[in-house]
Amino acid sequence: GPPLEPAPPPPSALPVAPGAGSLHQTTAIPSTASTPFHNAMYDLWLAVTTGNASLALPAFFPEAAYTQIKAIADPASDWQNRLWYDFTLDVTAAHAAVGRGATFVRVIAPSALAVWVSPGACYNSAGYWHLPGPRVVYEQGGETRSFGIASLISWRGDWYVVHFGAVLRGGAYGEVDDPEAGQGEPGPPGGC
């Protein structure tokens, strides 16, 4: 028979800021026009379209940074058992909502909504920039659709997803943040 074509390589995540989580926080204002931001949003979209949350790990707030920033007992356990676990549930929900054949268009993330959250607020021992409600815009079946990212926060001048479908939830289930026909509206401002 004819020779078999090799299978295409599986999609892989792009780096955001490798190793940055182990370094100390800075007050650098993150950019939504940077390569790390574009890579993070690529990784998030890849996770949503494949249903594989681990592909977005570079885009997710690093555990090493979380253990530095959170003034709570056992932040590493909280990262693993709440933040990351909730993220995986939300990726599954977004994957089901987006379905097949969707193409990424852009992320609307107005820097004007970003606010500095000072140390001591929101159970944090270090400050960070917070950007609530960016919109992931995509095309599906000839229609523009979108969903939100509940919360991005900064580490050393780069944005990371910290809450995807919801900041708070009533149980162990995934959520999709404000799915809309059209591009939707970013925000609202505020939050941790």
N, C-alpha and C. Protein backbone atom coordinates (compact mmCIF):
# COMPACT_ATOMS: atom_id res chain seq x y z
N GLY A 1 0.81 -1.18 0.00
CA GLY A 1 0.00 0.00 0.00
C GLY A 1 0.85 1.25 0.00
N PRO A 2 0.18 2.38 -0.05
CA PRO A 2 0.90 3.66 -0.03
C PRO A 2 1.57 3.87 1.33
N PRO A 3 2.68 4.60 1.34
CA PRO A 3 3.34 4.86 2.62
C PRO A 3 2.42 5.69 3.52
N LEU A 4 2.49 5.43 4.80
CA LEU A 4 1.67 6.17 5.76
C LEU A 4 2.30 7.54 6.01
N GLU A 5 1.45 8.54 6.04
CA GLU A 5 1.91 9.88 6.38
C GLU A 5 2.10 9.95 7.89
N PRO A 6 3.17 10.57 8.34
CA PRO A 6 3.31 10.70 9.80
C PRO A 6 2.22 11.61 10.35
N ALA A 7 1.78 11.28 11.53
CA ALA A 7 0.75 12.11 12.18
C ALA A 7 1.34 13.48 12.50
N PRO A 8 0.52 14.52 12.35
CA PRO A 8 1.03 15.84 12.72
C PRO A 8 1.31 15.88 14.22
N PRO A 9 2.29 16.68 14.63
CA PRO A 9 2.57 16.75 16.06
C PRO A 9 1.37 17.35 16.80
N PRO A 10 1.15 16.91 18.03
CA PRO A 10 0.03 17.50 18.78
C PRO A 10 0.32 18.97 19.07
N PRO A 11 -0.72 19.77 19.25
CA PRO A 11 -0.49 21.18 19.56
C PRO A 11 0.24 21.30 20.90
N SER A 12 1.05 22.33 21.02
CA SER A 12 1.76 22.52 22.27
C SER A 12 1.67 23.98 22.70
N ALA A 13 1.79 24.17 24.02
CA ALA A 13 1.69 25.50 24.61
C ALA A 13 2.92 26.32 24.28
N LEU A 14 2.76 27.63 24.33
CA LEU A 14 3.85 28.57 24.13
C LEU A 14 4.31 29.11 25.48
N PRO A 15 5.58 29.47 25.62
CA PRO A 15 6.05 29.98 26.91
C PRO A 15 5.48 31.36 27.20
N VAL A 16 5.24 31.63 28.46
CA VAL A 16 4.79 32.96 28.88
C VAL A 16 5.95 33.67 29.58
N ALA A 17 6.37 33.19 30.71
CA ALA A 17 7.54 33.75 31.41
C ALA A 17 8.13 32.63 32.27
N PRO A 18 8.79 31.67 31.63
CA PRO A 18 9.28 30.50 32.36
C PRO A 18 10.14 30.86 33.57
N GLY A 19 9.81 30.25 34.70
CA GLY A 19 10.58 30.46 35.93
C GLY A 19 10.30 31.74 36.68
N ALA A 20 9.47 32.62 36.13
CA ALA A 20 9.23 33.92 36.78
C ALA A 20 8.53 33.78 38.12
N GLY A 21 7.73 32.74 38.30
CA GLY A 21 6.99 32.58 39.54
C GLY A 21 7.88 32.46 40.76
N SER A 22 9.10 32.00 40.59
CA SER A 22 10.00 31.83 41.74
C SER A 22 10.73 33.13 42.09
N LEU A 23 10.63 34.14 41.23
CA LEU A 23 11.26 35.43 41.48
C LEU A 23 10.30 36.34 42.25
N HIS A 24 10.81 37.44 42.82
CA HIS A 24 9.97 38.35 43.58
C HIS A 24 9.10 39.21 42.66
N GLN A 25 7.96 39.61 43.18
CA GLN A 25 7.01 40.45 42.45
C GLN A 25 7.63 41.83 42.18
N THR A 26 7.17 42.47 41.12
CA THR A 26 7.53 43.85 40.81
C THR A 26 6.24 44.63 40.60
N THR A 27 6.36 45.94 40.46
CA THR A 27 5.19 46.78 40.18
C THR A 27 5.05 47.08 38.70
N ALA A 28 5.81 46.38 37.86
CA ALA A 28 5.75 46.62 36.41
C ALA A 28 4.33 46.43 35.90
N ILE A 29 3.87 47.37 35.10
CA ILE A 29 2.52 47.31 34.54
C ILE A 29 2.54 46.37 33.34
N PRO A 30 1.69 45.34 33.34
CA PRO A 30 1.67 44.40 32.22
C PRO A 30 1.10 45.03 30.96
N SER A 31 1.52 44.51 29.83
CA SER A 31 1.01 44.97 28.54
C SER A 31 0.17 43.87 27.90
N THR A 32 -0.89 44.28 27.23
CA THR A 32 -1.69 43.33 26.46
C THR A 32 -1.19 43.26 25.01
N ALA A 33 -0.10 43.97 24.73
CA ALA A 33 0.49 43.93 23.38
C ALA A 33 1.80 43.15 23.38
N SER A 34 2.14 42.51 24.48
CA SER A 34 3.42 41.81 24.60
C SER A 34 3.34 40.38 24.06
N THR A 35 4.50 39.83 23.73
CA THR A 35 4.57 38.43 23.32
C THR A 35 4.08 37.49 24.43
N PRO A 36 4.50 37.69 25.70
CA PRO A 36 3.97 36.80 26.74
C PRO A 36 2.44 36.82 26.84
N PHE A 37 1.81 38.00 26.66
CA PHE A 37 0.34 38.06 26.71
C PHE A 37 -0.26 37.28 25.54
N HIS A 38 0.26 37.50 24.34
CA HIS A 38 -0.25 36.78 23.17
C HIS A 38 -0.06 35.28 23.34
N ASN A 39 1.09 34.86 23.88
CA ASN A 39 1.32 33.44 24.12
C ASN A 39 0.34 32.89 25.15
N ALA A 40 0.08 33.65 26.21
CA ALA A 40 -0.87 33.21 27.24
C ALA A 40 -2.26 33.03 26.65
N MET A 41 -2.70 33.96 25.81
CA MET A 41 -4.03 33.85 25.23
C MET A 41 -4.09 32.71 24.21
N TYR A 42 -2.99 32.48 23.48
CA TYR A 42 -2.92 31.32 22.59
C TYR A 42 -3.09 30.03 23.40
N ASP A 43 -2.35 29.94 24.50
CA ASP A 43 -2.42 28.75 25.34
C ASP A 43 -3.81 28.55 25.92
N LEU A 44 -4.45 29.64 26.35
CA LEU A 44 -5.81 29.53 26.89
C LEU A 44 -6.77 29.03 25.80
N TRP A 45 -6.69 29.60 24.61
CA TRP A 45 -7.55 29.18 23.51
C TRP A 45 -7.28 27.72 23.14
N LEU A 46 -6.03 27.32 23.13
CA LEU A 46 -5.67 25.94 22.83
C LEU A 46 -6.30 25.00 23.86
N ALA A 47 -6.24 25.36 25.12
CA ALA A 47 -6.86 24.54 26.17
C ALA A 47 -8.37 24.43 25.96
N VAL A 48 -9.01 25.56 25.64
CA VAL A 48 -10.46 25.56 25.44
C VAL A 48 -10.83 24.69 24.24
N THR A 49 -10.12 24.83 23.13
CA THR A 49 -10.51 24.10 21.92
C THR A 49 -10.16 22.62 21.98
N THR A 50 -9.17 22.25 22.79
CA THR A 50 -8.83 20.83 22.93
C THR A 50 -9.50 20.18 24.14
N GLY A 51 -9.94 21.00 25.09
CA GLY A 51 -10.48 20.48 26.34
C GLY A 51 -9.40 20.05 27.31
N ASN A 52 -8.14 20.37 27.01
CA ASN A 52 -7.00 19.96 27.84
C ASN A 52 -6.46 21.16 28.61
N ALA A 53 -6.89 21.31 29.86
CA ALA A 53 -6.49 22.47 30.67
C ALA A 53 -4.99 22.59 30.85
N SER A 54 -4.28 21.48 30.88
CA SER A 54 -2.84 21.53 31.12
C SER A 54 -2.10 22.31 30.02
N LEU A 55 -2.69 22.43 28.83
CA LEU A 55 -2.06 23.21 27.77
C LEU A 55 -2.02 24.70 28.12
N ALA A 56 -2.86 25.13 29.05
CA ALA A 56 -2.87 26.53 29.47
C ALA A 56 -2.05 26.78 30.72
N LEU A 57 -1.33 25.78 31.20
CA LEU A 57 -0.54 25.97 32.42
C LEU A 57 0.41 27.17 32.32
N PRO A 58 1.09 27.42 31.18
CA PRO A 58 1.95 28.61 31.12
C PRO A 58 1.16 29.92 31.26
N ALA A 59 -0.12 29.92 30.93
CA ALA A 59 -0.96 31.12 31.00
C ALA A 59 -1.59 31.30 32.37
N PHE A 60 -1.51 30.28 33.21
CA PHE A 60 -2.17 30.30 34.51
C PHE A 60 -1.21 30.83 35.57
N PHE A 61 -1.75 31.56 36.54
CA PHE A 61 -0.91 32.18 37.57
C PHE A 61 -0.03 31.12 38.22
N PRO A 62 1.30 31.32 38.21
CA PRO A 62 2.22 30.27 38.68
C PRO A 62 2.05 29.95 40.16
N GLU A 63 2.13 28.66 40.47
CA GLU A 63 2.01 28.23 41.86
C GLU A 63 3.09 28.87 42.73
N ALA A 64 4.31 28.96 42.22
CA ALA A 64 5.41 29.55 43.00
C ALA A 64 5.12 31.01 43.33
N ALA A 65 4.50 31.74 42.41
CA ALA A 65 4.12 33.13 42.68
C ALA A 65 2.97 33.19 43.68
N TYR A 66 2.02 32.28 43.54
CA TYR A 66 0.86 32.25 44.44
C TYR A 66 1.30 32.00 45.88
N THR A 67 2.28 31.13 46.08
CA THR A 67 2.74 30.86 47.44
C THR A 67 3.43 32.09 48.03
N GLN A 68 3.96 32.98 47.19
CA GLN A 68 4.56 34.22 47.68
C GLN A 68 3.52 35.29 47.97
N ILE A 69 2.46 35.31 47.19
CA ILE A 69 1.52 36.42 47.24
C ILE A 69 0.39 36.23 48.26
N LYS A 70 0.02 34.99 48.55
CA LYS A 70 -1.14 34.74 49.40
C LYS A 70 -0.77 34.65 50.87
N ALA A 71 -1.43 35.45 51.69
CA ALA A 71 -1.24 35.44 53.13
C ALA A 71 -2.30 34.55 53.77
N ILE A 72 -2.25 33.26 53.43
CA ILE A 72 -3.20 32.28 53.95
C ILE A 72 -2.40 31.04 54.35
N ALA A 73 -3.03 30.17 55.13
CA ALA A 73 -2.39 28.90 55.48
C ALA A 73 -2.35 28.02 54.24
N ASP A 74 -1.20 27.44 53.96
CA ASP A 74 -1.01 26.47 52.88
C ASP A 74 -1.48 26.97 51.50
N PRO A 75 -0.86 28.04 51.01
CA PRO A 75 -1.26 28.55 49.69
C PRO A 75 -1.01 27.55 48.56
N ALA A 76 -0.02 26.67 48.69
CA ALA A 76 0.23 25.68 47.63
C ALA A 76 -0.96 24.73 47.50
N SER A 77 -1.52 24.32 48.61
CA SER A 77 -2.71 23.45 48.58
C SER A 77 -3.91 24.20 48.00
N ASP A 78 -4.05 25.48 48.35
CA ASP A 78 -5.15 26.29 47.82
C ASP A 78 -5.01 26.44 46.31
N TRP A 79 -3.78 26.66 45.84
CA TRP A 79 -3.54 26.78 44.40
C TRP A 79 -3.98 25.50 43.70
N GLN A 80 -3.51 24.35 44.21
CA GLN A 80 -3.78 23.06 43.56
C GLN A 80 -5.25 22.66 43.67
N ASN A 81 -5.82 22.75 44.87
CA ASN A 81 -7.14 22.19 45.14
C ASN A 81 -8.30 23.14 44.91
N ARG A 82 -8.01 24.43 44.73
CA ARG A 82 -9.08 25.38 44.44
C ARG A 82 -8.82 26.08 43.12
N LEU A 83 -7.75 26.88 43.04
CA LEU A 83 -7.53 27.67 41.82
C LEU A 83 -7.37 26.80 40.58
N TRP A 84 -6.40 25.89 40.60
CA TRP A 84 -6.16 25.06 39.42
C TRP A 84 -7.33 24.12 39.16
N TYR A 85 -7.86 23.52 40.20
CA TYR A 85 -9.00 22.61 40.04
C TYR A 85 -10.18 23.34 39.40
N ASP A 86 -10.52 24.53 39.92
CA ASP A 86 -11.62 25.31 39.33
C ASP A 86 -11.32 25.65 37.88
N PHE A 87 -10.07 26.00 37.58
CA PHE A 87 -9.69 26.32 36.21
C PHE A 87 -9.94 25.13 35.29
N THR A 88 -9.56 23.93 35.72
CA THR A 88 -9.76 22.75 34.87
C THR A 88 -11.25 22.52 34.62
N LEU A 89 -12.07 22.75 35.63
CA LEU A 89 -13.52 22.61 35.44
C LEU A 89 -14.04 23.65 34.45
N ASP A 90 -13.53 24.87 34.56
CA ASP A 90 -13.97 25.95 33.66
C ASP A 90 -13.52 25.70 32.22
N VAL A 91 -12.33 25.15 32.03
CA VAL A 91 -11.88 24.82 30.68
C VAL A 91 -12.80 23.77 30.08
N THR A 92 -13.18 22.78 30.85
CA THR A 92 -14.12 21.75 30.36
C THR A 92 -15.44 22.38 29.96
N ALA A 93 -15.95 23.30 30.78
CA ALA A 93 -17.23 23.97 30.47
C ALA A 93 -17.09 24.83 29.22
N ALA A 94 -15.99 25.57 29.10
CA ALA A 94 -15.79 26.42 27.91
C ALA A 94 -15.62 25.56 26.66
N HIS A 95 -14.94 24.43 26.79
CA HIS A 95 -14.77 23.52 25.65
C HIS A 95 -16.13 23.03 25.15
N ALA A 96 -17.00 22.66 26.07
CA ALA A 96 -18.34 22.21 25.68
C ALA A 96 -19.14 23.34 25.06
N ALA A 97 -18.99 24.56 25.56
CA ALA A 97 -19.76 25.70 25.05
C ALA A 97 -19.27 26.14 23.67
N VAL A 98 -17.97 26.14 23.46
CA VAL A 98 -17.41 26.61 22.19
C VAL A 98 -17.63 25.57 21.09
N GLY A 99 -17.46 24.30 21.42
CA GLY A 99 -17.69 23.25 20.43
C GLY A 99 -16.59 23.20 19.37
N ARG A 100 -16.90 22.55 18.27
CA ARG A 100 -15.91 22.34 17.19
C ARG A 100 -15.98 23.45 16.15
N GLY A 101 -14.86 23.63 15.46
CA GLY A 101 -14.83 24.53 14.31
C GLY A 101 -14.73 26.00 14.64
N ALA A 102 -14.45 26.36 15.88
CA ALA A 102 -14.33 27.77 16.24
C ALA A 102 -12.92 28.26 15.94
N THR A 103 -12.82 29.51 15.53
CA THR A 103 -11.51 30.12 15.28
C THR A 103 -11.35 31.37 16.14
N PHE A 104 -10.18 31.49 16.71
CA PHE A 104 -9.85 32.62 17.57
C PHE A 104 -9.78 33.90 16.74
N VAL A 105 -10.33 35.00 17.27
CA VAL A 105 -10.25 36.30 16.61
C VAL A 105 -9.32 37.23 17.38
N ARG A 106 -9.62 37.48 18.64
CA ARG A 106 -8.80 38.39 19.45
C ARG A 106 -9.25 38.33 20.91
N VAL A 107 -8.47 38.97 21.76
CA VAL A 107 -8.86 39.17 23.15
C VAL A 107 -8.99 40.67 23.36
N ILE A 108 -10.12 41.08 23.92
CA ILE A 108 -10.32 42.49 24.25
C ILE A 108 -10.01 42.62 25.74
N ALA A 109 -8.92 43.33 26.03
CA ALA A 109 -8.45 43.47 27.41
C ALA A 109 -8.03 44.92 27.63
N PRO A 110 -8.98 45.81 27.92
CA PRO A 110 -8.65 47.23 28.05
C PRO A 110 -7.80 47.51 29.29
N SER A 111 -6.58 47.95 29.06
CA SER A 111 -5.67 48.26 30.15
C SER A 111 -6.22 49.31 31.09
N ALA A 112 -7.15 50.14 30.62
CA ALA A 112 -7.75 51.18 31.46
C ALA A 112 -8.52 50.58 32.64
N LEU A 113 -8.93 49.32 32.54
CA LEU A 113 -9.64 48.67 33.64
C LEU A 113 -8.69 48.10 34.70
N ALA A 114 -7.39 48.07 34.41
CA ALA A 114 -6.42 47.50 35.34
C ALA A 114 -6.26 48.39 36.57
N VAL A 115 -6.22 47.76 37.74
CA VAL A 115 -5.99 48.48 38.99
C VAL A 115 -4.93 47.74 39.80
N TRP A 116 -4.17 48.51 40.58
CA TRP A 116 -3.18 47.93 41.48
C TRP A 116 -3.89 47.51 42.76
N VAL A 117 -3.73 46.26 43.15
CA VAL A 117 -4.27 45.75 44.41
C VAL A 117 -3.11 45.73 45.40
N SER A 118 -3.22 46.55 46.44
CA SER A 118 -2.11 46.73 47.39
C SER A 118 -1.95 45.54 48.32
N PRO A 119 -0.74 45.35 48.84
CA PRO A 119 -0.52 44.31 49.84
C PRO A 119 -1.50 44.51 51.01
N GLY A 120 -2.00 43.42 51.53
CA GLY A 120 -2.97 43.47 52.63
C GLY A 120 -4.40 43.32 52.16
N ALA A 121 -4.67 43.69 50.92
CA ALA A 121 -6.04 43.53 50.37
C ALA A 121 -6.20 42.10 49.86
N CYS A 122 -7.38 41.56 49.95
CA CYS A 122 -7.72 40.27 49.33
C CYS A 122 -6.81 39.13 49.82
N TYR A 123 -6.44 39.16 51.08
CA TYR A 123 -5.61 38.11 51.70
C TYR A 123 -4.25 37.97 51.01
N ASN A 124 -3.68 39.10 50.59
CA ASN A 124 -2.41 39.05 49.88
C ASN A 124 -1.31 39.73 50.67
N SER A 125 -0.11 39.17 50.58
CA SER A 125 1.05 39.76 51.23
C SER A 125 1.89 40.58 50.26
N ALA A 126 1.55 40.54 48.98
CA ALA A 126 2.23 41.33 47.96
C ALA A 126 1.17 41.94 47.04
N GLY A 127 1.51 43.03 46.41
CA GLY A 127 0.57 43.68 45.50
C GLY A 127 0.65 43.09 44.10
N TYR A 128 -0.33 43.45 43.28
CA TYR A 128 -0.35 43.00 41.88
C TYR A 128 -1.34 43.85 41.10
N TRP A 129 -1.20 43.84 39.80
CA TRP A 129 -2.17 44.47 38.90
C TRP A 129 -3.29 43.46 38.65
N HIS A 130 -4.52 43.97 38.58
CA HIS A 130 -5.69 43.13 38.36
C HIS A 130 -6.46 43.67 37.15
N LEU A 131 -6.85 42.78 36.25
CA LEU A 131 -7.63 43.17 35.07
C LEU A 131 -8.86 42.26 35.00
N PRO A 132 -10.03 42.79 35.32
CA PRO A 132 -11.24 41.98 35.34
C PRO A 132 -11.95 41.91 33.99
N GLY A 133 -12.43 40.73 33.67
CA GLY A 133 -13.36 40.56 32.56
C GLY A 133 -12.89 40.79 31.14
N PRO A 134 -11.64 40.47 30.78
CA PRO A 134 -11.30 40.53 29.35
C PRO A 134 -12.22 39.60 28.55
N ARG A 135 -12.35 39.84 27.26
CA ARG A 135 -13.24 39.05 26.41
C ARG A 135 -12.43 38.28 25.37
N VAL A 136 -12.68 36.99 25.27
CA VAL A 136 -12.11 36.15 24.22
C VAL A 136 -13.14 36.12 23.09
N VAL A 137 -12.77 36.66 21.94
CA VAL A 137 -13.68 36.76 20.79
C VAL A 137 -13.29 35.69 19.78
N TYR A 138 -14.30 34.98 19.27
CA TYR A 138 -14.04 33.93 18.28
C TYR A 138 -15.18 33.89 17.27
N GLU A 139 -14.90 33.22 16.15
CA GLU A 139 -15.90 33.02 15.10
C GLU A 139 -16.31 31.56 15.09
N GLN A 140 -17.59 31.33 14.93
CA GLN A 140 -18.07 29.96 14.81
C GLN A 140 -19.31 29.97 13.91
N GLY A 141 -19.26 29.17 12.86
CA GLY A 141 -20.39 29.09 11.95
C GLY A 141 -20.77 30.43 11.36
N GLY A 142 -19.77 31.27 11.08
CA GLY A 142 -20.05 32.57 10.49
C GLY A 142 -20.52 33.62 11.47
N GLU A 143 -20.56 33.30 12.76
CA GLU A 143 -21.01 34.25 13.78
C GLU A 143 -19.87 34.61 14.71
N THR A 144 -19.86 35.86 15.14
CA THR A 144 -18.92 36.29 16.18
C THR A 144 -19.53 35.97 17.53
N ARG A 145 -18.75 35.34 18.38
CA ARG A 145 -19.18 34.98 19.73
C ARG A 145 -18.05 35.33 20.69
N SER A 146 -18.33 35.31 21.98
CA SER A 146 -17.28 35.62 22.96
C SER A 146 -17.64 35.07 24.33
N PHE A 147 -16.62 35.01 25.16
CA PHE A 147 -16.80 34.72 26.58
C PHE A 147 -15.74 35.51 27.35
N GLY A 148 -15.97 35.66 28.64
CA GLY A 148 -15.05 36.43 29.46
C GLY A 148 -14.00 35.57 30.14
N ILE A 149 -12.99 36.23 30.61
CA ILE A 149 -12.01 35.67 31.55
C ILE A 149 -12.28 36.42 32.84
N ALA A 150 -12.69 35.72 33.89
CA ALA A 150 -13.12 36.39 35.11
C ALA A 150 -12.06 37.32 35.68
N SER A 151 -10.79 36.90 35.68
CA SER A 151 -9.78 37.72 36.33
C SER A 151 -8.37 37.38 35.84
N LEU A 152 -7.65 38.41 35.43
CA LEU A 152 -6.21 38.30 35.17
C LEU A 152 -5.49 39.06 36.27
N ILE A 153 -4.36 38.53 36.74
CA ILE A 153 -3.51 39.28 37.64
C ILE A 153 -2.07 39.21 37.15
N SER A 154 -1.27 40.14 37.64
CA SER A 154 0.10 40.25 37.14
C SER A 154 1.10 39.58 38.06
N TRP A 155 2.18 39.18 37.43
CA TRP A 155 3.38 38.78 38.16
C TRP A 155 4.56 39.26 37.34
N ARG A 156 5.35 40.15 37.91
CA ARG A 156 6.56 40.65 37.28
C ARG A 156 6.31 41.22 35.87
N GLY A 157 5.19 41.92 35.72
CA GLY A 157 4.92 42.60 34.45
C GLY A 157 4.26 41.77 33.37
N ASP A 158 3.76 40.58 33.72
CA ASP A 158 3.02 39.76 32.76
C ASP A 158 1.65 39.41 33.34
N TRP A 159 0.66 39.33 32.45
CA TRP A 159 -0.69 38.93 32.86
C TRP A 159 -0.80 37.42 32.88
N TYR A 160 -1.56 36.92 33.86
CA TYR A 160 -1.87 35.49 33.97
C TYR A 160 -3.35 35.33 34.30
N VAL A 161 -3.95 34.26 33.83
CA VAL A 161 -5.31 33.90 34.23
C VAL A 161 -5.23 33.38 35.66
N VAL A 162 -6.08 33.91 36.52
CA VAL A 162 -6.15 33.38 37.89
C VAL A 162 -7.54 32.82 38.17
N HIS A 163 -8.57 33.41 37.58
CA HIS A 163 -9.94 32.89 37.64
C HIS A 163 -10.48 32.95 36.21
N PHE A 164 -10.94 31.83 35.70
CA PHE A 164 -11.39 31.78 34.31
C PHE A 164 -12.90 31.97 34.22
N GLY A 165 -13.68 31.00 34.66
CA GLY A 165 -15.14 31.07 34.53
C GLY A 165 -15.82 31.90 35.60
N ALA A 166 -15.27 31.89 36.80
CA ALA A 166 -15.87 32.62 37.92
C ALA A 166 -14.83 32.80 39.01
N VAL A 167 -14.97 33.88 39.77
CA VAL A 167 -14.09 34.10 40.91
C VAL A 167 -14.59 33.25 42.07
N LEU A 168 -15.87 33.32 42.34
CA LEU A 168 -16.50 32.53 43.40
C LEU A 168 -17.53 31.61 42.77
N ARG A 169 -17.72 30.45 43.35
CA ARG A 169 -18.71 29.52 42.83
C ARG A 169 -19.34 28.76 43.98
N GLY A 170 -20.50 28.19 43.72
CA GLY A 170 -21.26 27.49 44.76
C GLY A 170 -21.00 26.00 44.84
N GLY A 171 -20.13 25.47 44.02
CA GLY A 171 -19.86 24.03 44.05
C GLY A 171 -18.77 23.66 43.06
N ALA A 172 -18.54 22.35 42.95
CA ALA A 172 -17.47 21.82 42.09
C ALA A 172 -18.01 21.62 40.67
N TYR A 173 -18.21 22.71 39.97
CA TYR A 173 -18.67 22.65 38.58
C TYR A 173 -18.01 23.78 37.80
N GLY A 174 -17.83 23.56 36.51
CA GLY A 174 -17.23 24.57 35.66
C GLY A 174 -18.23 25.62 35.23
N GLU A 175 -17.73 26.81 34.97
CA GLU A 175 -18.56 27.91 34.50
C GLU A 175 -17.90 28.56 33.29
N VAL A 176 -18.72 29.16 32.46
CA VAL A 176 -18.24 30.00 31.36
C VAL A 176 -18.65 31.42 31.70
N ASP A 177 -17.68 32.32 31.73
CA ASP A 177 -17.94 33.70 32.12
C ASP A 177 -18.63 34.46 30.99
N ASP A 178 -19.88 34.81 31.22
CA ASP A 178 -20.64 35.71 30.35
C ASP A 178 -20.54 35.39 28.86
N PRO A 179 -20.95 34.18 28.43
CA PRO A 179 -20.93 33.89 26.99
C PRO A 179 -21.93 34.79 26.26
N GLU A 180 -21.51 35.32 25.12
CA GLU A 180 -22.35 36.27 24.38
C GLU A 180 -22.28 36.02 22.88
N ALA A 181 -23.35 36.37 22.20
CA ALA A 181 -23.28 36.54 20.76
C ALA A 181 -22.66 37.92 20.57
N GLY A 182 -21.70 38.04 19.67
CA GLY A 182 -20.96 39.29 19.52
C GLY A 182 -19.76 39.32 20.43
N GLN A 183 -19.08 40.46 20.48
CA GLN A 183 -17.84 40.53 21.24
C GLN A 183 -18.05 40.81 22.72
N GLY A 184 -19.24 41.20 23.16
CA GLY A 184 -19.50 41.46 24.56
C GLY A 184 -18.75 42.68 25.06
N GLU A 185 -18.90 42.96 26.34
CA GLU A 185 -18.27 44.11 26.96
C GLU A 185 -17.30 43.65 28.04
N PRO A 186 -16.05 44.11 28.02
CA PRO A 186 -15.10 43.76 29.08
C PRO A 186 -15.54 44.33 30.43
N GLY A 187 -15.02 43.75 31.49
CA GLY A 187 -15.30 44.27 32.82
C GLY A 187 -16.34 43.43 33.52
N PRO A 188 -16.97 43.93 34.53
CA PRO A 188 -16.89 45.28 35.07
C PRO A 188 -15.61 45.49 35.87
N PRO A 189 -15.24 46.79 36.13
CA PRO A 189 -14.05 47.05 36.90
C PRO A 189 -14.20 46.59 38.35
N GLY A 190 -13.08 46.48 39.05
CA GLY A 190 -13.10 46.11 40.46
C GLY A 190 -12.64 44.69 40.68
N GLY A 191 -12.78 44.24 41.91
CA GLY A 191 -12.43 42.88 42.28
C GLY A 191 -11.01 42.74 42.79
N CYS A 192 -10.64 41.49 43.04
CA CYS A 192 -9.31 41.18 43.59
C CYS A 192 -8.49 40.50 42.53
